[in-house]
Amino acid sequence: MSIQACLDELDEISKEIKANNIKNKNLRIRAKELQDNIQTYLTNKEQPGLKYKGKAILLESKEKHMRKKKTEKEADTLAYLESIGVHNPKDAYNKILGLQKGEAYHDKKLMIKDISSSK
């Protein structure tokens, strides 16, 4: 297979992936709307759930946590390290972050950019 054929096929695949991503985004939005409608129905009727075509649809409540911003995480961690008596909490925090990262390695990546004809 020639390099030109490879590039053409790669371009077509990229376009198809982009189209699928847009379609899937719209489907996820619609699914969320439908789920919200079902939740509203169950809440209004004060029902814990219902049965439909051999499926049980239940409305359950679960605890979720809000995500903290990076600066909030750092501030809270530094405050905790200070409270437990760590002498240099900033260094300890940086060491912890370093330990969480995997080993570094070199990787090659193909970059494809459009060249503008007007300069």
N, C-alpha and C. Protein backbone atom coordinates (compact mmCIF):
# COMPACT_ATOMS: atom_id res chain seq x y z
N MET A 1 0.86 -1.18 0.00
CA MET A 1 0.00 0.00 0.00
C MET A 1 0.90 1.24 0.00
N SER A 2 0.61 2.19 -0.86
CA SER A 2 1.45 3.39 -0.97
C SER A 2 1.17 4.33 0.20
N ILE A 3 2.10 5.22 0.43
CA ILE A 3 1.96 6.18 1.52
C ILE A 3 0.80 7.13 1.25
N GLN A 4 0.55 7.44 -0.03
CA GLN A 4 -0.57 8.31 -0.38
C GLN A 4 -1.90 7.65 -0.04
N ALA A 5 -2.01 6.36 -0.32
CA ALA A 5 -3.24 5.63 0.01
C ALA A 5 -3.42 5.58 1.52
N CYS A 6 -2.33 5.39 2.24
CA CYS A 6 -2.40 5.38 3.71
C CYS A 6 -2.89 6.72 4.25
N LEU A 7 -2.35 7.80 3.73
CA LEU A 7 -2.75 9.14 4.18
C LEU A 7 -4.20 9.43 3.83
N ASP A 8 -4.63 9.03 2.63
CA ASP A 8 -6.03 9.24 2.23
C ASP A 8 -6.98 8.46 3.13
N GLU A 9 -6.63 7.20 3.41
CA GLU A 9 -7.47 6.38 4.27
C GLU A 9 -7.50 6.94 5.69
N LEU A 10 -6.35 7.40 6.19
CA LEU A 10 -6.29 8.00 7.52
C LEU A 10 -7.18 9.23 7.60
N ASP A 11 -7.17 10.03 6.55
CA ASP A 11 -8.02 11.23 6.50
C ASP A 11 -9.49 10.85 6.53
N GLU A 12 -9.88 9.85 5.76
CA GLU A 12 -11.28 9.40 5.74
C GLU A 12 -11.70 8.84 7.11
N ILE A 13 -10.81 8.08 7.72
CA ILE A 13 -11.12 7.52 9.04
C ILE A 13 -11.28 8.64 10.06
N SER A 14 -10.42 9.65 10.00
CA SER A 14 -10.52 10.78 10.93
C SER A 14 -11.84 11.52 10.76
N LYS A 15 -12.27 11.70 9.51
CA LYS A 15 -13.55 12.36 9.25
C LYS A 15 -14.71 11.53 9.80
N GLU A 16 -14.64 10.22 9.62
CA GLU A 16 -15.70 9.33 10.12
C GLU A 16 -15.76 9.36 11.64
N ILE A 17 -14.61 9.35 12.29
CA ILE A 17 -14.56 9.42 13.75
C ILE A 17 -15.18 10.72 14.24
N LYS A 18 -14.85 11.84 13.57
CA LYS A 18 -15.41 13.13 13.96
C LYS A 18 -16.93 13.12 13.81
N ALA A 19 -17.43 12.57 12.70
CA ALA A 19 -18.87 12.50 12.48
C ALA A 19 -19.54 11.63 13.54
N ASN A 20 -18.91 10.50 13.88
CA ASN A 20 -19.47 9.62 14.90
C ASN A 20 -19.49 10.30 16.27
N ASN A 21 -18.45 11.06 16.58
CA ASN A 21 -18.40 11.77 17.86
C ASN A 21 -19.53 12.78 17.98
N ILE A 22 -19.81 13.48 16.89
CA ILE A 22 -20.91 14.45 16.90
C ILE A 22 -22.25 13.74 17.08
N LYS A 23 -22.43 12.63 16.35
CA LYS A 23 -23.67 11.86 16.46
C LYS A 23 -23.84 11.30 17.88
N ASN A 24 -22.75 10.74 18.43
CA ASN A 24 -22.83 10.18 19.79
C ASN A 24 -23.11 11.26 20.83
N LYS A 25 -22.56 12.45 20.63
CA LYS A 25 -22.82 13.55 21.56
C LYS A 25 -24.32 13.86 21.58
N ASN A 26 -24.91 13.95 20.39
CA ASN A 26 -26.35 14.23 20.30
C ASN A 26 -27.17 13.11 20.93
N LEU A 27 -26.75 11.86 20.73
CA LEU A 27 -27.47 10.73 21.32
C LEU A 27 -27.36 10.75 22.85
N ARG A 28 -26.18 11.11 23.38
CA ARG A 28 -26.02 11.19 24.84
C ARG A 28 -26.90 12.29 25.42
N ILE A 29 -26.99 13.42 24.71
CA ILE A 29 -27.85 14.52 25.17
C ILE A 29 -29.30 14.07 25.20
N ARG A 30 -29.74 13.39 24.15
CA ARG A 30 -31.14 12.91 24.08
C ARG A 30 -31.41 11.88 25.15
N ALA A 31 -30.47 10.96 25.38
CA ALA A 31 -30.64 9.93 26.41
C ALA A 31 -30.77 10.59 27.78
N LYS A 32 -29.99 11.64 28.04
CA LYS A 32 -30.05 12.35 29.32
C LYS A 32 -31.42 13.00 29.49
N GLU A 33 -31.94 13.60 28.41
CA GLU A 33 -33.27 14.21 28.47
C GLU A 33 -34.34 13.17 28.81
N LEU A 34 -34.26 12.01 28.16
CA LEU A 34 -35.24 10.95 28.41
C LEU A 34 -35.14 10.43 29.84
N GLN A 35 -33.91 10.27 30.34
CA GLN A 35 -33.72 9.82 31.72
C GLN A 35 -34.29 10.85 32.69
N ASP A 36 -34.08 12.12 32.40
CA ASP A 36 -34.65 13.17 33.26
C ASP A 36 -36.18 13.13 33.25
N ASN A 37 -36.77 12.87 32.08
CA ASN A 37 -38.22 12.76 31.99
C ASN A 37 -38.74 11.60 32.83
N ILE A 38 -38.06 10.46 32.76
CA ILE A 38 -38.47 9.28 33.53
C ILE A 38 -38.31 9.56 35.03
N GLN A 39 -37.22 10.20 35.42
CA GLN A 39 -37.00 10.53 36.83
C GLN A 39 -38.09 11.48 37.33
N THR A 40 -38.44 12.47 36.51
CA THR A 40 -39.49 13.42 36.89
C THR A 40 -40.82 12.70 37.06
N TYR A 41 -41.12 11.78 36.15
CA TYR A 41 -42.36 11.01 36.23
C TYR A 41 -42.41 10.21 37.53
N LEU A 42 -41.33 9.49 37.82
CA LEU A 42 -41.29 8.67 39.03
C LEU A 42 -41.39 9.53 40.29
N THR A 43 -40.75 10.68 40.28
CA THR A 43 -40.80 11.58 41.43
C THR A 43 -42.21 12.15 41.61
N ASN A 44 -42.83 12.57 40.52
CA ASN A 44 -44.18 13.14 40.60
C ASN A 44 -45.20 12.10 41.06
N LYS A 45 -45.04 10.86 40.63
CA LYS A 45 -45.98 9.80 41.01
C LYS A 45 -45.60 9.17 42.35
N GLU A 46 -44.47 9.62 42.92
CA GLU A 46 -43.97 9.10 44.20
C GLU A 46 -43.82 7.58 44.15
N GLN A 47 -43.24 7.09 43.07
CA GLN A 47 -43.00 5.66 42.89
C GLN A 47 -41.49 5.40 42.96
N PRO A 48 -41.10 4.28 43.57
CA PRO A 48 -39.67 3.96 43.61
C PRO A 48 -39.17 3.42 42.26
N GLY A 49 -40.10 2.96 41.42
CA GLY A 49 -39.70 2.42 40.12
C GLY A 49 -40.90 1.87 39.39
N LEU A 50 -40.60 1.21 38.27
CA LEU A 50 -41.67 0.58 37.50
C LEU A 50 -41.09 -0.55 36.67
N LYS A 51 -42.00 -1.38 36.13
CA LYS A 51 -41.59 -2.49 35.26
C LYS A 51 -42.05 -2.18 33.85
N TYR A 52 -41.19 -2.49 32.87
CA TYR A 52 -41.55 -2.25 31.48
C TYR A 52 -40.80 -3.24 30.60
N LYS A 53 -41.54 -4.06 29.86
CA LYS A 53 -40.98 -5.04 28.93
C LYS A 53 -39.87 -5.88 29.55
N GLY A 54 -40.17 -6.41 30.72
CA GLY A 54 -39.22 -7.31 31.37
C GLY A 54 -38.04 -6.61 32.02
N LYS A 55 -38.11 -5.29 32.14
CA LYS A 55 -37.04 -4.53 32.79
C LYS A 55 -37.60 -3.83 34.01
N ALA A 56 -36.76 -3.72 35.03
CA ALA A 56 -37.13 -2.96 36.21
C ALA A 56 -36.39 -1.64 36.15
N ILE A 57 -37.14 -0.55 36.19
CA ILE A 57 -36.56 0.78 36.18
C ILE A 57 -36.73 1.35 37.57
N LEU A 58 -35.60 1.56 38.25
CA LEU A 58 -35.63 2.01 39.64
C LEU A 58 -34.99 3.39 39.76
N LEU A 59 -35.53 4.18 40.67
CA LEU A 59 -34.97 5.49 40.96
C LEU A 59 -34.22 5.36 42.28
N GLU A 60 -32.91 5.40 42.21
CA GLU A 60 -32.12 5.27 43.42
C GLU A 60 -31.34 6.55 43.66
N SER A 61 -31.05 6.79 44.92
CA SER A 61 -30.31 7.97 45.30
C SER A 61 -28.94 7.54 45.79
N LYS A 62 -27.90 8.22 45.31
CA LYS A 62 -26.57 7.90 45.78
C LYS A 62 -25.79 9.18 46.02
N GLU A 63 -24.83 9.06 46.90
CA GLU A 63 -24.02 10.21 47.28
C GLU A 63 -22.92 10.44 46.24
N LYS A 64 -22.76 11.67 45.85
CA LYS A 64 -21.70 12.04 44.92
C LYS A 64 -20.90 13.17 45.54
N HIS A 65 -19.67 13.31 45.07
CA HIS A 65 -18.80 14.36 45.57
C HIS A 65 -18.46 15.34 44.44
N MET A 66 -18.41 16.59 44.80
CA MET A 66 -18.01 17.61 43.84
C MET A 66 -16.50 17.52 43.66
N ARG A 67 -16.03 17.81 42.47
CA ARG A 67 -14.59 17.82 42.20
C ARG A 67 -13.99 19.11 42.73
N LYS A 68 -12.79 18.97 43.30
CA LYS A 68 -12.08 20.15 43.76
C LYS A 68 -11.14 20.63 42.66
N LYS A 69 -10.90 21.93 42.66
CA LYS A 69 -9.92 22.48 41.74
C LYS A 69 -8.53 22.09 42.23
N LYS A 70 -7.56 22.16 41.33
CA LYS A 70 -6.20 21.76 41.66
C LYS A 70 -5.65 22.59 42.82
N THR A 71 -5.94 23.88 42.81
CA THR A 71 -5.43 24.75 43.89
C THR A 71 -6.07 24.39 45.23
N GLU A 72 -7.36 24.02 45.21
CA GLU A 72 -8.04 23.62 46.44
C GLU A 72 -7.46 22.32 46.98
N LYS A 73 -7.21 21.37 46.07
CA LYS A 73 -6.60 20.10 46.50
C LYS A 73 -5.26 20.35 47.16
N GLU A 74 -4.45 21.19 46.51
CA GLU A 74 -3.11 21.47 47.04
C GLU A 74 -3.21 22.13 48.41
N ALA A 75 -4.08 23.13 48.55
CA ALA A 75 -4.22 23.85 49.82
C ALA A 75 -4.69 22.91 50.93
N ASP A 76 -5.68 22.06 50.63
CA ASP A 76 -6.19 21.13 51.64
C ASP A 76 -5.14 20.11 52.04
N THR A 77 -4.38 19.61 51.06
CA THR A 77 -3.34 18.62 51.35
C THR A 77 -2.23 19.24 52.19
N LEU A 78 -1.82 20.46 51.84
CA LEU A 78 -0.79 21.14 52.61
C LEU A 78 -1.25 21.41 54.04
N ALA A 79 -2.51 21.80 54.20
CA ALA A 79 -3.05 22.04 55.54
C ALA A 79 -3.07 20.75 56.35
N TYR A 80 -3.44 19.64 55.71
CA TYR A 80 -3.46 18.36 56.42
C TYR A 80 -2.05 17.94 56.82
N LEU A 81 -1.10 18.06 55.89
CA LEU A 81 0.27 17.67 56.21
C LEU A 81 0.83 18.51 57.36
N GLU A 82 0.47 19.80 57.39
CA GLU A 82 0.90 20.66 58.50
C GLU A 82 0.27 20.21 59.81
N SER A 83 -1.02 19.84 59.74
CA SER A 83 -1.73 19.46 60.96
C SER A 83 -1.21 18.17 61.57
N ILE A 84 -0.62 17.29 60.75
CA ILE A 84 -0.08 16.04 61.31
C ILE A 84 1.40 16.17 61.67
N GLY A 85 1.94 17.38 61.52
CA GLY A 85 3.28 17.64 62.00
C GLY A 85 4.40 17.44 61.00
N VAL A 86 4.11 17.47 59.72
CA VAL A 86 5.16 17.37 58.71
C VAL A 86 5.92 18.70 58.70
N HIS A 87 7.25 18.63 58.80
CA HIS A 87 8.06 19.84 58.93
C HIS A 87 8.04 20.70 57.67
N ASN A 88 8.11 20.10 56.50
CA ASN A 88 8.11 20.86 55.25
C ASN A 88 7.00 20.30 54.36
N PRO A 89 5.76 20.77 54.56
CA PRO A 89 4.62 20.18 53.84
C PRO A 89 4.69 20.37 52.32
N LYS A 90 5.26 21.48 51.85
CA LYS A 90 5.33 21.73 50.41
C LYS A 90 6.22 20.69 49.73
N ASP A 91 7.38 20.39 50.33
CA ASP A 91 8.26 19.37 49.76
C ASP A 91 7.60 17.99 49.81
N ALA A 92 6.92 17.70 50.92
CA ALA A 92 6.24 16.42 51.06
C ALA A 92 5.15 16.28 50.00
N TYR A 93 4.42 17.36 49.77
CA TYR A 93 3.35 17.34 48.76
C TYR A 93 3.93 17.09 47.36
N ASN A 94 5.00 17.80 47.04
CA ASN A 94 5.63 17.59 45.73
C ASN A 94 6.16 16.18 45.59
N LYS A 95 6.70 15.61 46.67
CA LYS A 95 7.21 14.24 46.64
C LYS A 95 6.05 13.25 46.40
N ILE A 96 4.92 13.50 47.05
CA ILE A 96 3.74 12.64 46.87
C ILE A 96 3.27 12.70 45.41
N LEU A 97 3.22 13.90 44.83
CA LEU A 97 2.81 14.04 43.43
C LEU A 97 3.78 13.30 42.51
N GLY A 98 5.06 13.37 42.81
CA GLY A 98 6.05 12.67 42.01
C GLY A 98 5.90 11.17 42.10
N LEU A 99 5.53 10.67 43.27
CA LEU A 99 5.35 9.23 43.45
C LEU A 99 4.13 8.70 42.71
N GLN A 100 3.15 9.56 42.49
CA GLN A 100 1.92 9.13 41.81
C GLN A 100 2.13 8.97 40.31
N LYS A 101 3.13 9.62 39.77
CA LYS A 101 3.38 9.54 38.34
C LYS A 101 4.10 8.24 38.01
N GLY A 102 3.84 7.74 36.83
CA GLY A 102 4.53 6.55 36.36
C GLY A 102 5.92 6.91 35.87
N GLU A 103 6.64 5.89 35.44
CA GLU A 103 7.98 6.11 34.94
C GLU A 103 7.93 6.82 33.59
N ALA A 104 8.86 7.73 33.36
CA ALA A 104 8.90 8.48 32.12
C ALA A 104 9.47 7.62 30.99
N TYR A 105 8.94 7.79 29.79
CA TYR A 105 9.46 7.09 28.62
C TYR A 105 9.26 7.99 27.40
N HIS A 106 9.99 7.69 26.36
CA HIS A 106 9.88 8.46 25.13
C HIS A 106 8.96 7.73 24.17
N ASP A 107 8.11 8.51 23.52
CA ASP A 107 7.15 7.96 22.59
C ASP A 107 7.13 8.83 21.34
N LYS A 108 6.83 8.23 20.21
CA LYS A 108 6.72 8.98 18.97
C LYS A 108 5.25 9.12 18.60
N LYS A 109 4.91 10.30 18.10
CA LYS A 109 3.53 10.56 17.71
C LYS A 109 3.54 11.25 16.37
N LEU A 110 2.67 10.82 15.48
CA LEU A 110 2.57 11.40 14.15
C LEU A 110 1.69 12.65 14.24
N MET A 111 2.24 13.78 13.85
CA MET A 111 1.49 15.04 13.87
C MET A 111 1.08 15.37 12.44
N ILE A 112 -0.21 15.65 12.26
CA ILE A 112 -0.73 15.98 10.93
C ILE A 112 -1.38 17.36 11.05
N LYS A 113 -0.86 18.32 10.30
CA LYS A 113 -1.38 19.68 10.33
C LYS A 113 -1.76 20.11 8.93
N ASP A 114 -2.80 20.93 8.84
CA ASP A 114 -3.18 21.51 7.56
C ASP A 114 -2.25 22.66 7.26
N ILE A 115 -1.78 22.74 6.04
CA ILE A 115 -0.91 23.83 5.62
C ILE A 115 -1.80 24.86 4.92
N SER A 116 -1.80 26.08 5.45
CA SER A 116 -2.63 27.12 4.83
C SER A 116 -1.94 27.63 3.57
N SER A 117 -2.72 27.82 2.52
CA SER A 117 -2.15 28.23 1.23
C SER A 117 -1.83 29.72 1.21
N SER A 118 -2.45 30.49 2.08
CA SER A 118 -2.18 31.94 2.10
C SER A 118 -1.24 32.26 3.26
N LYS A 119 -0.11 32.84 2.91
CA LYS A 119 0.85 33.22 3.95
C LYS A 119 1.15 34.68 3.90
